[in-house]
Amino acid sequence: SLVIALALRKATPFRRLMKTALLLPLAIPVFTAALLINVTFD
């Protein structure tokens, strides 16, 4: 996370979009995350 934060430290056109994309997994419900694990690694 520190390496990626250092790469995103400078303002870029896609910085806000990348921050939003990186935060999306945290917003996924627990049941959905467990379902994704089953679908992927079954």
Full PDB file with SEQRES, HELIX, SHEET, SSBOND, CRYST1, ORIGX, SCALE, CONECT and MASTER records, all heavy atoms in Angstrom:
SEQRES   1 A   42  SER LEU VAL ILE ALA LEU ALA LEU ARG LYS ALA THR PRO          
SEQRES   2 A   42  PHE ARG ARG LEU MET LYS THR ALA LEU LEU LEU PRO LEU          
SEQRES   3 A   42  ALA ILE PRO VAL PHE THR ALA ALA LEU LEU ILE ASN VAL          
SEQRES   4 A   42  THR PHE ASP                                                  
HELIX    1 AA1 LEU A    2  LEU A    8  1                                   7    
HELIX    2 AA2 ARG A   15  ALA A   27  1                                  13    
HELIX    3 AA3 VAL A   30  PHE A   41  1                                  12    
CRYST1    1.000    1.000    1.000  90.00  90.00  90.00 P 1           1          
ORIGX1      1.000000  0.000000  0.000000        0.00000                         
ORIGX2      0.000000  1.000000  0.000000        0.00000                         
ORIGX3      0.000000  0.000000  1.000000        0.00000                         
SCALE1      1.000000  0.000000  0.000000        0.00000                         
SCALE2      0.000000  1.000000  0.000000        0.00000                         
SCALE3      0.000000  0.000000  1.000000        0.00000                         
ATOM      1  N   SER A   1       0.820  -1.209   0.000  1.00  0.00           N  
ATOM      2  CA  SER A   1       0.000   0.000   0.000  1.00  0.00           C  
ATOM      3  C   SER A   1       0.856   1.261   0.000  1.00  0.00           C  
ATOM      4  O   SER A   1       0.507   2.258  -0.644  1.00  0.00           O  
ATOM      5  CB  SER A   1      -0.933  -0.001   1.228  1.00  0.00           C  
ATOM      6  OG  SER A   1      -0.179  -0.038   2.431  1.00  0.00           O  
ATOM      7  N   LEU A   2       2.005   1.241   0.700  1.00  0.00           N  
ATOM      8  CA  LEU A   2       2.888   2.406   0.710  1.00  0.00           C  
ATOM      9  C   LEU A   2       3.503   2.639  -0.670  1.00  0.00           C  
ATOM     10  O   LEU A   2       3.606   3.789  -1.124  1.00  0.00           O  
ATOM     11  CB  LEU A   2       3.988   2.227   1.758  1.00  0.00           C  
ATOM     12  CG  LEU A   2       4.989   3.373   1.892  1.00  0.00           C  
ATOM     13  CD1 LEU A   2       4.291   4.685   2.207  1.00  0.00           C  
ATOM     14  CD2 LEU A   2       6.044   3.058   2.959  1.00  0.00           C  
ATOM     15  N   VAL A   3       3.915   1.575  -1.343  1.00  0.00           N  
ATOM     16  CA  VAL A   3       4.495   1.720  -2.685  1.00  0.00           C  
ATOM     17  C   VAL A   3       3.459   2.312  -3.645  1.00  0.00           C  
ATOM     18  O   VAL A   3       3.767   3.225  -4.425  1.00  0.00           O  
ATOM     19  CB  VAL A   3       4.994   0.353  -3.192  1.00  0.00           C  
ATOM     20  CG1 VAL A   3       5.348   0.424  -4.675  1.00  0.00           C  
ATOM     21  CG2 VAL A   3       6.205  -0.094  -2.393  1.00  0.00           C  
ATOM     22  N   ILE A   4       2.231   1.809  -3.588  1.00  0.00           N  
ATOM     23  CA  ILE A   4       1.187   2.336  -4.478  1.00  0.00           C  
ATOM     24  C   ILE A   4       0.842   3.777  -4.104  1.00  0.00           C  
ATOM     25  O   ILE A   4       0.613   4.621  -4.980  1.00  0.00           O  
ATOM     26  CB  ILE A   4      -0.062   1.447  -4.419  1.00  0.00           C  
ATOM     27  CG1 ILE A   4       0.280   0.045  -4.928  1.00  0.00           C  
ATOM     28  CG2 ILE A   4      -1.196   2.044  -5.250  1.00  0.00           C  
ATOM     29  CD1 ILE A   4      -0.861  -0.945  -4.832  1.00  0.00           C  
ATOM     30  N   ALA A   5       0.824   4.091  -2.801  1.00  0.00           N  
ATOM     31  CA  ALA A   5       0.544   5.465  -2.380  1.00  0.00           C  
ATOM     32  C   ALA A   5       1.617   6.427  -2.873  1.00  0.00           C  
ATOM     33  O   ALA A   5       1.316   7.555  -3.281  1.00  0.00           O  
ATOM     34  CB  ALA A   5       0.429   5.525  -0.855  1.00  0.00           C  
ATOM     35  N   LEU A   6       2.873   5.993  -2.852  1.00  0.00           N  
ATOM     36  CA  LEU A   6       3.957   6.836  -3.375  1.00  0.00           C  
ATOM     37  C   LEU A   6       3.793   7.060  -4.878  1.00  0.00           C  
ATOM     38  O   LEU A   6       4.079   8.151  -5.385  1.00  0.00           O  
ATOM     39  CB  LEU A   6       5.307   6.191  -3.089  1.00  0.00           C  
ATOM     40  CG  LEU A   6       5.762   6.205  -1.626  1.00  0.00           C  
ATOM     41  CD1 LEU A   6       7.013   5.345  -1.443  1.00  0.00           C  
ATOM     42  CD2 LEU A   6       6.034   7.636  -1.155  1.00  0.00           C  
ATOM     43  N   ALA A   7       3.316   6.028  -5.582  1.00  0.00           N  
ATOM     44  CA  ALA A   7       3.093   6.183  -7.019  1.00  0.00           C  
ATOM     45  C   ALA A   7       1.923   7.103  -7.317  1.00  0.00           C  
ATOM     46  O   ALA A   7       1.914   7.804  -8.342  1.00  0.00           O  
ATOM     47  CB  ALA A   7       2.862   4.817  -7.657  1.00  0.00           C  
ATOM     48  N   LEU A   8       0.927   7.128  -6.406  1.00  0.00           N  
ATOM     49  CA  LEU A   8      -0.254   7.969  -6.615  1.00  0.00           C  
ATOM     50  C   LEU A   8      -0.112   9.345  -5.977  1.00  0.00           C  
ATOM     51  O   LEU A   8      -1.053  10.137  -6.033  1.00  0.00           O  
ATOM     52  CB  LEU A   8      -1.494   7.277  -6.031  1.00  0.00           C  
ATOM     53  CG  LEU A   8      -1.955   5.997  -6.708  1.00  0.00           C  
ATOM     54  CD1 LEU A   8      -3.146   5.403  -5.956  1.00  0.00           C  
ATOM     55  CD2 LEU A   8      -2.332   6.262  -8.161  1.00  0.00           C  
ATOM     56  N   ARG A   9       1.043   9.603  -5.338  1.00  0.00           N  
ATOM     57  CA  ARG A   9       1.201  10.866  -4.618  1.00  0.00           C  
ATOM     58  C   ARG A   9       1.112  12.061  -5.539  1.00  0.00           C  
ATOM     59  O   ARG A   9       0.504  13.088  -5.212  1.00  0.00           O  
ATOM     60  CB  ARG A   9       2.548  10.878  -3.887  1.00  0.00           C  
ATOM     61  CG  ARG A   9       2.747  12.087  -2.992  1.00  0.00           C  
ATOM     62  CD  ARG A   9       4.036  11.950  -2.179  1.00  0.00           C  
ATOM     63  NE  ARG A   9       4.178  13.058  -1.274  1.00  0.00           N  
ATOM     64  CZ  ARG A   9       4.816  14.194  -1.556  1.00  0.00           C  
ATOM     65  NH1 ARG A   9       5.380  14.335  -2.752  1.00  0.00           N  
ATOM     66  NH2 ARG A   9       4.908  15.164  -0.676  1.00  0.00           N  
ATOM     67  N   LYS A  10       1.722  11.955  -6.709  1.00  0.00           N  
ATOM     68  CA  LYS A  10       1.655  13.045  -7.673  1.00  0.00           C  
ATOM     69  C   LYS A  10       0.302  13.038  -8.377  1.00  0.00           C  
ATOM     70  O   LYS A  10      -0.232  11.998  -8.705  1.00  0.00           O  
ATOM     71  CB  LYS A  10       2.776  12.913  -8.696  1.00  0.00           C  
ATOM     72  CG  LYS A  10       4.167  13.075  -8.096  1.00  0.00           C  
ATOM     73  CD  LYS A  10       5.232  13.007  -9.171  1.00  0.00           C  
ATOM     74  CE  LYS A  10       6.626  13.199  -8.580  1.00  0.00           C  
ATOM     75  NZ  LYS A  10       7.680  13.134  -9.619  1.00  0.00           N  
ATOM     76  N   ALA A  11      -0.234  14.215  -8.574  1.00  0.00           N  
ATOM     77  CA  ALA A  11      -1.547  14.335  -9.204  1.00  0.00           C  
ATOM     78  C   ALA A  11      -1.480  13.879 -10.651  1.00  0.00           C  
ATOM     79  O   ALA A  11      -0.616  14.303 -11.422  1.00  0.00           O  
ATOM     80  CB  ALA A  11      -2.035  15.784  -9.134  1.00  0.00           C  
ATOM     81  N   THR A  12      -2.382  12.971 -11.016  1.00  0.00           N  
ATOM     82  CA  THR A  12      -2.506  12.485 -12.385  1.00  0.00           C  
ATOM     83  C   THR A  12      -3.977  12.543 -12.784  1.00  0.00           C  
ATOM     84  O   THR A  12      -4.857  12.594 -11.914  1.00  0.00           O  
ATOM     85  CB  THR A  12      -1.989  11.042 -12.506  1.00  0.00           C  
ATOM     86  OG1 THR A  12      -2.783  10.196 -11.648  1.00  0.00           O  
ATOM     87  CG2 THR A  12      -0.525  10.941 -12.099  1.00  0.00           C  
ATOM     88  N   PRO A  13      -4.272  12.511 -14.062  1.00  0.00           N  
ATOM     89  CA  PRO A  13      -5.672  12.569 -14.487  1.00  0.00           C  
ATOM     90  C   PRO A  13      -6.520  11.416 -13.956  1.00  0.00           C  
ATOM     91  O   PRO A  13      -7.727  11.553 -13.788  1.00  0.00           O  
ATOM     92  CB  PRO A  13      -5.568  12.512 -16.023  1.00  0.00           C  
ATOM     93  CG  PRO A  13      -4.191  13.004 -16.333  1.00  0.00           C  
ATOM     94  CD  PRO A  13      -3.340  12.549 -15.196  1.00  0.00           C  
ATOM     95  N   PHE A  14      -5.894  10.257 -13.683  1.00  0.00           N  
ATOM     96  CA  PHE A  14      -6.647   9.087 -13.253  1.00  0.00           C  
ATOM     97  C   PHE A  14      -6.502   8.811 -11.757  1.00  0.00           C  
ATOM     98  O   PHE A  14      -6.882   7.742 -11.294  1.00  0.00           O  
ATOM     99  CB  PHE A  14      -6.170   7.856 -14.031  1.00  0.00           C  
ATOM    100  CG  PHE A  14      -6.304   7.999 -15.526  1.00  0.00           C  
ATOM    101  CD1 PHE A  14      -5.199   8.282 -16.304  1.00  0.00           C  
ATOM    102  CD2 PHE A  14      -7.548   7.880 -16.128  1.00  0.00           C  
ATOM    103  CE1 PHE A  14      -5.326   8.417 -17.677  1.00  0.00           C  
ATOM    104  CE2 PHE A  14      -7.683   8.016 -17.501  1.00  0.00           C  
ATOM    105  CZ  PHE A  14      -6.570   8.288 -18.285  1.00  0.00           C  
ATOM    106  N   ARG A  15      -5.948   9.768 -11.005  1.00  0.00           N  
ATOM    107  CA  ARG A  15      -5.698   9.518  -9.589  1.00  0.00           C  
ATOM    108  C   ARG A  15      -6.999   9.277  -8.825  1.00  0.00           C  
ATOM    109  O   ARG A  15      -7.115   8.298  -8.070  1.00  0.00           O  
ATOM    110  CB  ARG A  15      -4.948  10.700  -8.978  1.00  0.00           C  
ATOM    111  CG  ARG A  15      -4.666  10.531  -7.481  1.00  0.00           C  
ATOM    112  CD  ARG A  15      -3.986  11.753  -6.919  1.00  0.00           C  
ATOM    113  NE  ARG A  15      -3.795  11.626  -5.487  1.00  0.00           N  
ATOM    114  CZ  ARG A  15      -3.269  12.560  -4.713  1.00  0.00           C  
ATOM    115  NH1 ARG A  15      -2.871  13.704  -5.256  1.00  0.00           N  
ATOM    116  NH2 ARG A  15      -3.128  12.371  -3.413  1.00  0.00           N  
ATOM    117  N   ARG A  16      -7.996  10.131  -9.029  1.00  0.00           N  
ATOM    118  CA  ARG A  16      -9.259   9.974  -8.299  1.00  0.00           C  
ATOM    119  C   ARG A  16      -9.959   8.676  -8.704  1.00  0.00           C  
ATOM    120  O   ARG A  16     -10.522   7.969  -7.854  1.00  0.00           O  
ATOM    121  CB  ARG A  16     -10.163  11.172  -8.589  1.00  0.00           C  
ATOM    122  CG  ARG A  16     -11.489  11.136  -7.848  1.00  0.00           C  
ATOM    123  CD  ARG A  16     -12.259  12.415  -8.020  1.00  0.00           C  
ATOM    124  NE  ARG A  16     -11.536  13.556  -7.470  1.00  0.00           N  
ATOM    125  CZ  ARG A  16     -11.989  14.806  -7.519  1.00  0.00           C  
ATOM    126  NH1 ARG A  16     -13.173  15.072  -8.102  1.00  0.00           N  
ATOM    127  NH2 ARG A  16     -11.287  15.783  -6.993  1.00  0.00           N  
ATOM    128  N   LEU A  17      -9.921   8.352  -9.989  1.00  0.00           N  
ATOM    129  CA  LEU A  17     -10.549   7.118 -10.454  1.00  0.00           C  
ATOM    130  C   LEU A  17      -9.862   5.898  -9.853  1.00  0.00           C  
ATOM    131  O   LEU A  17     -10.526   4.931  -9.438  1.00  0.00           O  
ATOM    132  CB  LEU A  17     -10.500   7.059 -11.981  1.00  0.00           C  
ATOM    133  CG  LEU A  17     -11.097   5.806 -12.637  1.00  0.00           C  
ATOM    134  CD1 LEU A  17     -12.578   5.699 -12.309  1.00  0.00           C  
ATOM    135  CD2 LEU A  17     -10.881   5.843 -14.144  1.00  0.00           C  
ATOM    136  N   MET A  18      -8.531   5.934  -9.762  1.00  0.00           N  
ATOM    137  CA  MET A  18      -7.796   4.808  -9.198  1.00  0.00           C  
ATOM    138  C   MET A  18      -8.066   4.663  -7.703  1.00  0.00           C  
ATOM    139  O   MET A  18      -8.203   3.541  -7.195  1.00  0.00           O  
ATOM    140  CB  MET A  18      -6.304   4.984  -9.454  1.00  0.00           C  
ATOM    141  CG  MET A  18      -5.900   4.876 -10.915  1.00  0.00           C  
ATOM    142  SD  MET A  18      -4.112   5.013 -11.171  1.00  0.00           S  
ATOM    143  CE  MET A  18      -3.548   3.519 -10.357  1.00  0.00           C  
ATOM    144  N   LYS A  19      -8.165   5.773  -6.981  1.00  0.00           N  
ATOM    145  CA  LYS A  19      -8.480   5.708  -5.561  1.00  0.00           C  
ATOM    146  C   LYS A  19      -9.859   5.103  -5.340  1.00  0.00           C  
ATOM    147  O   LYS A  19     -10.061   4.280  -4.440  1.00  0.00           O  
ATOM    148  CB  LYS A  19      -8.401   7.102  -4.933  1.00  0.00           C  
ATOM    149  CG  LYS A  19      -6.984   7.625  -4.785  1.00  0.00           C  
ATOM    150  CD  LYS A  19      -6.968   9.087  -4.364  1.00  0.00           C  
ATOM    151  CE  LYS A  19      -7.595   9.295  -3.015  1.00  0.00           C  
ATOM    152  NZ  LYS A  19      -7.518  10.711  -2.587  1.00  0.00           N  
ATOM    153  N   THR A  20     -10.822   5.494  -6.173  1.00  0.00           N  
ATOM    154  CA  THR A  20     -12.170   4.942  -6.062  1.00  0.00           C  
ATOM    155  C   THR A  20     -12.164   3.448  -6.350  1.00  0.00           C  
ATOM    156  O   THR A  20     -12.804   2.658  -5.647  1.00  0.00           O  
ATOM    157  CB  THR A  20     -13.115   5.663  -7.030  1.00  0.00           C  
ATOM    158  OG1 THR A  20     -13.092   7.072  -6.753  1.00  0.00           O  
ATOM    159  CG2 THR A  20     -14.535   5.142  -6.876  1.00  0.00           C  
ATOM    160  N   ALA A  21     -11.433   3.044  -7.401  1.00  0.00           N  
ATOM    161  CA  ALA A  21     -11.368   1.627  -7.752  1.00  0.00           C  
ATOM    162  C   ALA A  21     -10.721   0.806  -6.647  1.00  0.00           C  
ATOM    163  O   ALA A  21     -11.141  -0.326  -6.363  1.00  0.00           O  
ATOM    164  CB  ALA A  21     -10.602   1.457  -9.063  1.00  0.00           C  
ATOM    165  N   LEU A  22      -9.694   1.357  -5.996  1.00  0.00           N  
ATOM    166  CA  LEU A  22      -9.018   0.632  -4.933  1.00  0.00           C  
ATOM    167  C   LEU A  22      -9.877   0.502  -3.680  1.00  0.00           C  
ATOM    168  O   LEU A  22      -9.719  -0.436  -2.895  1.00  0.00           O  
ATOM    169  CB  LEU A  22      -7.698   1.325  -4.587  1.00  0.00           C  
ATOM    170  CG  LEU A  22      -6.596   1.220  -5.644  1.00  0.00           C  
ATOM    171  CD1 LEU A  22      -5.458   2.176  -5.328  1.00  0.00           C  
ATOM    172  CD2 LEU A  22      -6.073  -0.212  -5.722  1.00  0.00           C  
ATOM    173  N   LEU A  23     -10.800   1.452  -3.471  1.00  0.00           N  
ATOM    174  CA  LEU A  23     -11.667   1.412  -2.289  1.00  0.00           C  
ATOM    175  C   LEU A  23     -12.914   0.550  -2.499  1.00  0.00           C  
ATOM    176  O   LEU A  23     -13.603   0.223  -1.528  1.00  0.00           O  
ATOM    177  CB  LEU A  23     -12.089   2.828  -1.892  1.00  0.00           C  
ATOM    178  CG  LEU A  23     -11.037   3.667  -1.160  1.00  0.00           C  
ATOM    179  CD1 LEU A  23     -11.522   5.099  -0.990  1.00  0.00           C  
ATOM    180  CD2 LEU A  23     -10.712   3.060   0.192  1.00  0.00           C  
ATOM    181  N   LEU A  24     -13.215   0.210  -3.732  1.00  0.00           N  
ATOM    182  CA  LEU A  24     -14.421  -0.574  -4.009  1.00  0.00           C  
ATOM    183  C   LEU A  24     -14.452  -1.924  -3.279  1.00  0.00           C  
ATOM    184  O   LEU A  24     -15.505  -2.310  -2.756  1.00  0.00           O  
ATOM    185  CB  LEU A  24     -14.573  -0.786  -5.518  1.00  0.00           C  
ATOM    186  CG  LEU A  24     -15.207   0.380  -6.297  1.00  0.00           C  
ATOM    187  CD1 LEU A  24     -15.257   0.045  -7.785  1.00  0.00           C  
ATOM    188  CD2 LEU A  24     -16.608   0.682  -5.777  1.00  0.00           C  
ATOM    189  N   PRO A  25     -13.339  -2.682  -3.224  1.00  0.00           N  
ATOM    190  CA  PRO A  25     -13.409  -3.966  -2.508  1.00  0.00           C  
ATOM    191  C   PRO A  25     -13.837  -3.840  -1.056  1.00  0.00           C  
ATOM    192  O   PRO A  25     -14.487  -4.738  -0.514  1.00  0.00           O  
ATOM    193  CB  PRO A  25     -11.974  -4.502  -2.618  1.00  0.00           C  
ATOM    194  CG  PRO A  25     -11.437  -3.875  -3.853  1.00  0.00           C  
ATOM    195  CD  PRO A  25     -12.039  -2.500  -3.894  1.00  0.00           C  
ATOM    196  N   LEU A  26     -13.476  -2.723  -0.414  1.00  0.00           N  
ATOM    197  CA  LEU A  26     -13.863  -2.524   0.979  1.00  0.00           C  
ATOM    198  C   LEU A  26     -15.367  -2.318   1.120  1.00  0.00           C  
ATOM    199  O   LEU A  26     -15.952  -2.635   2.156  1.00  0.00           O  
ATOM    200  CB  LEU A  26     -13.109  -1.321   1.563  1.00  0.00           C  
ATOM    201  CG  LEU A  26     -13.190  -1.121   3.078  1.00  0.00           C  
ATOM    202  CD1 LEU A  26     -12.527  -2.294   3.792  1.00  0.00           C  
ATOM    203  CD2 LEU A  26     -12.522   0.177   3.484  1.00  0.00           C  
ATOM    204  N   ALA A  27     -16.001  -1.786   0.072  1.00  0.00           N  
ATOM    205  CA  ALA A  27     -17.435  -1.526   0.111  1.00  0.00           C  
ATOM    206  C   ALA A  27     -18.274  -2.745  -0.261  1.00  0.00           C  
ATOM    207  O   ALA A  27     -19.492  -2.732  -0.097  1.00  0.00           O  
ATOM    208  CB  ALA A  27     -17.780  -0.369  -0.831  1.00  0.00           C  
ATOM    209  N   ILE A  28     -17.622  -3.797  -0.763  1.00  0.00           N  
ATOM    210  CA  ILE A  28     -18.361  -5.007  -1.141  1.00  0.00           C  
ATOM    211  C   ILE A  28     -18.827  -5.727   0.121  1.00  0.00           C  
ATOM    212  O   ILE A  28     -18.044  -5.936   1.051  1.00  0.00           O  
ATOM    213  CB  ILE A  28     -17.464  -5.929  -1.990  1.00  0.00           C  
ATOM    214  CG1 ILE A  28     -17.138  -5.260  -3.324  1.00  0.00           C  
ATOM    215  CG2 ILE A  28     -18.136  -7.274  -2.229  1.00  0.00           C  
ATOM    216  CD1 ILE A  28     -16.200  -6.066  -4.189  1.00  0.00           C  
ATOM    217  N   PRO A  29     -20.103  -6.127   0.194  1.00  0.00           N  
ATOM    218  CA  PRO A  29     -20.577  -6.861   1.386  1.00  0.00           C  
ATOM    219  C   PRO A  29     -19.805  -8.156   1.598  1.00  0.00           C  
ATOM    220  O   PRO A  29     -19.253  -8.744   0.663  1.00  0.00           O  
ATOM    221  CB  PRO A  29     -22.052  -7.140   1.041  1.00  0.00           C  
ATOM    222  CG  PRO A  29     -22.425  -6.119   0.024  1.00  0.00           C  
ATOM    223  CD  PRO A  29     -21.172  -5.845  -0.764  1.00  0.00           C  
ATOM    224  N   VAL A  30     -19.772  -8.592   2.842  1.00  0.00           N  
ATOM    225  CA  VAL A  30     -19.015  -9.787   3.201  1.00  0.00           C  
ATOM    226  C   VAL A  30     -19.541 -11.006   2.449  1.00  0.00           C  
ATOM    227  O   VAL A  30     -18.762 -11.830   1.950  1.00  0.00           O  
ATOM    228  CB  VAL A  30     -19.088 -10.018   4.720  1.00  0.00           C  
ATOM    229  CG1 VAL A  30     -18.372 -11.311   5.105  1.00  0.00           C  
ATOM    230  CG2 VAL A  30     -18.480  -8.841   5.469  1.00  0.00           C  
ATOM    231  N   PHE A  31     -20.852 -11.128   2.361  1.00  0.00           N  
ATOM    232  CA  PHE A  31     -21.431 -12.285   1.671  1.00  0.00           C  
ATOM    233  C   PHE A  31     -21.018 -12.302   0.199  1.00  0.00           C  
ATOM    234  O   PHE A  31     -20.706 -13.359  -0.358  1.00  0.00           O  
ATOM    235  CB  PHE A  31     -22.953 -12.259   1.790  1.00  0.00           C  
ATOM    236  CG  PHE A  31     -23.636 -13.392   1.064  1.00  0.00           C  
ATOM    237  CD1 PHE A  31     -23.684 -14.652   1.638  1.00  0.00           C  
ATOM    238  CD2 PHE A  31     -24.192 -13.204  -0.184  1.00  0.00           C  
ATOM    239  CE1 PHE A  31     -24.297 -15.711   0.982  1.00  0.00           C  
ATOM    240  CE2 PHE A  31     -24.802 -14.245  -0.848  1.00  0.00           C  
ATOM    241  CZ  PHE A  31     -24.862 -15.509  -0.269  1.00  0.00           C  
ATOM    242  N   THR A  32     -20.992 -11.124  -0.423  1.00  0.00           N  
ATOM    243  CA  THR A  32     -20.574 -11.049  -1.824  1.00  0.00           C  
ATOM    244  C   THR A  32     -19.110 -11.432  -1.983  1.00  0.00           C  
ATOM    245  O   THR A  32     -18.733 -12.122  -2.936  1.00  0.00           O  
ATOM    246  CB  THR A  32     -20.816  -9.631  -2.361  1.00  0.00           C  
ATOM    247  OG1 THR A  32     -22.189  -9.273  -2.156  1.00  0.00           O  
ATOM    248  CG2 THR A  32     -20.501  -9.543  -3.846  1.00  0.00           C  
ATOM    249  N   ALA A  33     -18.269 -10.982  -1.056  1.00  0.00           N  
ATOM    250  CA  ALA A  33     -16.853 -11.345  -1.111  1.00  0.00           C  
ATOM    251  C   ALA A  33     -16.666 -12.850  -0.965  1.00  0.00           C  
ATOM    252  O   ALA A  33     -15.854 -13.463  -1.674  1.00  0.00           O  
ATOM    253  CB  ALA A  33     -16.083 -10.603  -0.018  1.00  0.00           C  
ATOM    254  N   ALA A  34     -17.421 -13.470  -0.042  1.00  0.00           N  
ATOM    255  CA  ALA A  34     -17.336 -14.922   0.119  1.00  0.00           C  
ATOM    256  C   ALA A  34     -17.828 -15.641  -1.136  1.00  0.00           C  
ATOM    257  O   ALA A  34     -17.258 -16.666  -1.543  1.00  0.00           O  
ATOM    258  CB  ALA A  34     -18.156 -15.356   1.330  1.00  0.00           C  
ATOM    259  N   LEU A  35     -18.874 -15.107  -1.759  1.00  0.00           N  
ATOM    260  CA  LEU A  35     -19.385 -15.699  -2.998  1.00  0.00           C  
ATOM    261  C   LEU A  35     -18.347 -15.607  -4.107  1.00  0.00           C  
ATOM    262  O   LEU A  35     -18.162 -16.554  -4.885  1.00  0.00           O  
ATOM    263  CB  LEU A  35     -20.676 -15.002  -3.412  1.00  0.00           C  
ATOM    264  CG  LEU A  35     -21.389 -15.543  -4.658  1.00  0.00           C  
ATOM    265  CD1 LEU A  35     -21.802 -16.990  -4.438  1.00  0.00           C  
ATOM    266  CD2 LEU A  35     -22.602 -14.673  -4.998  1.00  0.00           C  
ATOM    267  N   LEU A  36     -17.628 -14.477  -4.184  1.00  0.00           N  
ATOM    268  CA  LEU A  36     -16.577 -14.328  -5.191  1.00  0.00           C  
ATOM    269  C   LEU A  36     -15.446 -15.334  -4.970  1.00  0.00           C  
ATOM    270  O   LEU A  36     -14.877 -15.870  -5.930  1.00  0.00           O  
ATOM    271  CB  LEU A  36     -16.025 -12.901  -5.152  1.00  0.00           C  
ATOM    272  CG  LEU A  36     -16.933 -11.805  -5.719  1.00  0.00           C  
ATOM    273  CD1 LEU A  36     -16.318 -10.430  -5.470  1.00  0.00           C  
ATOM    274  CD2 LEU A  36     -17.163 -12.014  -7.208  1.00  0.00           C  
ATOM    275  N   ILE A  37     -15.120 -15.585  -3.694  1.00  0.00           N  
ATOM    276  CA  ILE A  37     -14.085 -16.582  -3.396  1.00  0.00           C  
ATOM    277  C   ILE A  37     -14.516 -17.955  -3.878  1.00  0.00           C  
ATOM    278  O   ILE A  37     -13.743 -18.694  -4.502  1.00  0.00           O  
ATOM    279  CB  ILE A  37     -13.777 -16.596  -1.891  1.00  0.00           C  
ATOM    280  CG1 ILE A  37     -13.137 -15.279  -1.455  1.00  0.00           C  
ATOM    281  CG2 ILE A  37     -12.853 -17.753  -1.540  1.00  0.00           C  
ATOM    282  CD1 ILE A  37     -12.914 -15.169   0.034  1.00  0.00           C  
ATOM    283  N   ASN A  38     -15.788 -18.315  -3.609  1.00  0.00           N  
ATOM    284  CA  ASN A  38     -16.292 -19.614  -4.044  1.00  0.00           C  
ATOM    285  C   ASN A  38     -16.323 -19.729  -5.562  1.00  0.00           C  
ATOM    286  O   ASN A  38     -15.926 -20.756  -6.128  1.00  0.00           O  
ATOM    287  CB  ASN A  38     -17.694 -19.843  -3.480  1.00  0.00           C  
ATOM    288  CG  ASN A  38     -17.670 -20.469  -2.097  1.00  0.00           C  
ATOM    289  OD1 ASN A  38     -16.810 -21.294  -1.801  1.00  0.00           O  
ATOM    290  ND2 ASN A  38     -18.594 -20.077  -1.243  1.00  0.00           N  
ATOM    291  N   VAL A  39     -16.795 -18.673  -6.217  1.00  0.00           N  
ATOM    292  CA  VAL A  39     -16.886 -18.706  -7.674  1.00  0.00           C  
ATOM    293  C   VAL A  39     -15.502 -18.802  -8.309  1.00  0.00           C  
ATOM    294  O   VAL A  39     -15.313 -19.478  -9.326  1.00  0.00           O  
ATOM    295  CB  VAL A  39     -17.636 -17.456  -8.183  1.00  0.00           C  
ATOM    296  CG1 VAL A  39     -17.529 -17.331  -9.697  1.00  0.00           C  
ATOM    297  CG2 VAL A  39     -19.099 -17.507  -7.773  1.00  0.00           C  
ATOM    298  N   THR A  40     -14.528 -18.145  -7.690  1.00  0.00           N  
ATOM    299  CA  THR A  40     -13.181 -18.115  -8.273  1.00  0.00           C  
ATOM    300  C   THR A  40     -12.383 -19.368  -7.948  1.00  0.00           C  
ATOM    301  O   THR A  40     -11.712 -19.935  -8.819  1.00  0.00           O  
ATOM    302  CB  THR A  40     -12.424 -16.878  -7.776  1.00  0.00           C  
ATOM    303  OG1 THR A  40     -13.192 -15.704  -8.073  1.00  0.00           O  
ATOM    304  CG2 THR A  40     -11.070 -16.769  -8.457  1.00  0.00           C  
ATOM    305  N   PHE A  41     -12.450 -19.843  -6.691  1.00  0.00           N  
ATOM    306  CA  PHE A  41     -11.524 -20.887  -6.250  1.00  0.00           C  
ATOM    307  C   PHE A  41     -12.194 -22.231  -5.981  1.00  0.00           C  
ATOM    308  O   PHE A  41     -11.555 -23.127  -5.413  1.00  0.00           O  
ATOM    309  CB  PHE A  41     -10.788 -20.426  -4.994  1.00  0.00           C  
ATOM    310  CG  PHE A  41      -9.916 -19.220  -5.228  1.00  0.00           C  
ATOM    311  CD1 PHE A  41     -10.318 -17.966  -4.788  1.00  0.00           C  
ATOM    312  CD2 PHE A  41      -8.715 -19.335  -5.902  1.00  0.00           C  
ATOM    313  CE1 PHE A  41      -9.521 -16.850  -5.001  1.00  0.00           C  
ATOM    314  CE2 PHE A  41      -7.918 -18.231  -6.121  1.00  0.00           C  
ATOM    315  CZ  PHE A  41      -8.317 -16.986  -5.675  1.00  0.00           C  
ATOM    316  N   ASP A  42     -13.430 -22.389  -6.351  1.00  0.00           N  
ATOM    317  CA  ASP A  42     -14.066 -23.696  -6.243  1.00  0.00           C  
ATOM    318  C   ASP A  42     -13.398 -24.678  -7.211  1.00  0.00           C  
ATOM    319  O   ASP A  42     -12.672 -24.274  -8.137  1.00  0.00           O  
ATOM    320  CB  ASP A  42     -15.562 -23.568  -6.543  1.00  0.00           C  
ATOM    321  CG  ASP A  42     -16.304 -24.857  -6.248  1.00  0.00           C  
ATOM    322  OD1 ASP A  42     -16.413 -25.206  -5.059  1.00  0.00           O  
ATOM    323  OD2 ASP A  42     -16.751 -25.516  -7.208  1.00  0.00           O  
TER     324      ASP A  42                                                      
MASTER        0    0    0    3    0    0    0    6  323    1    0    4          
END                                                                             
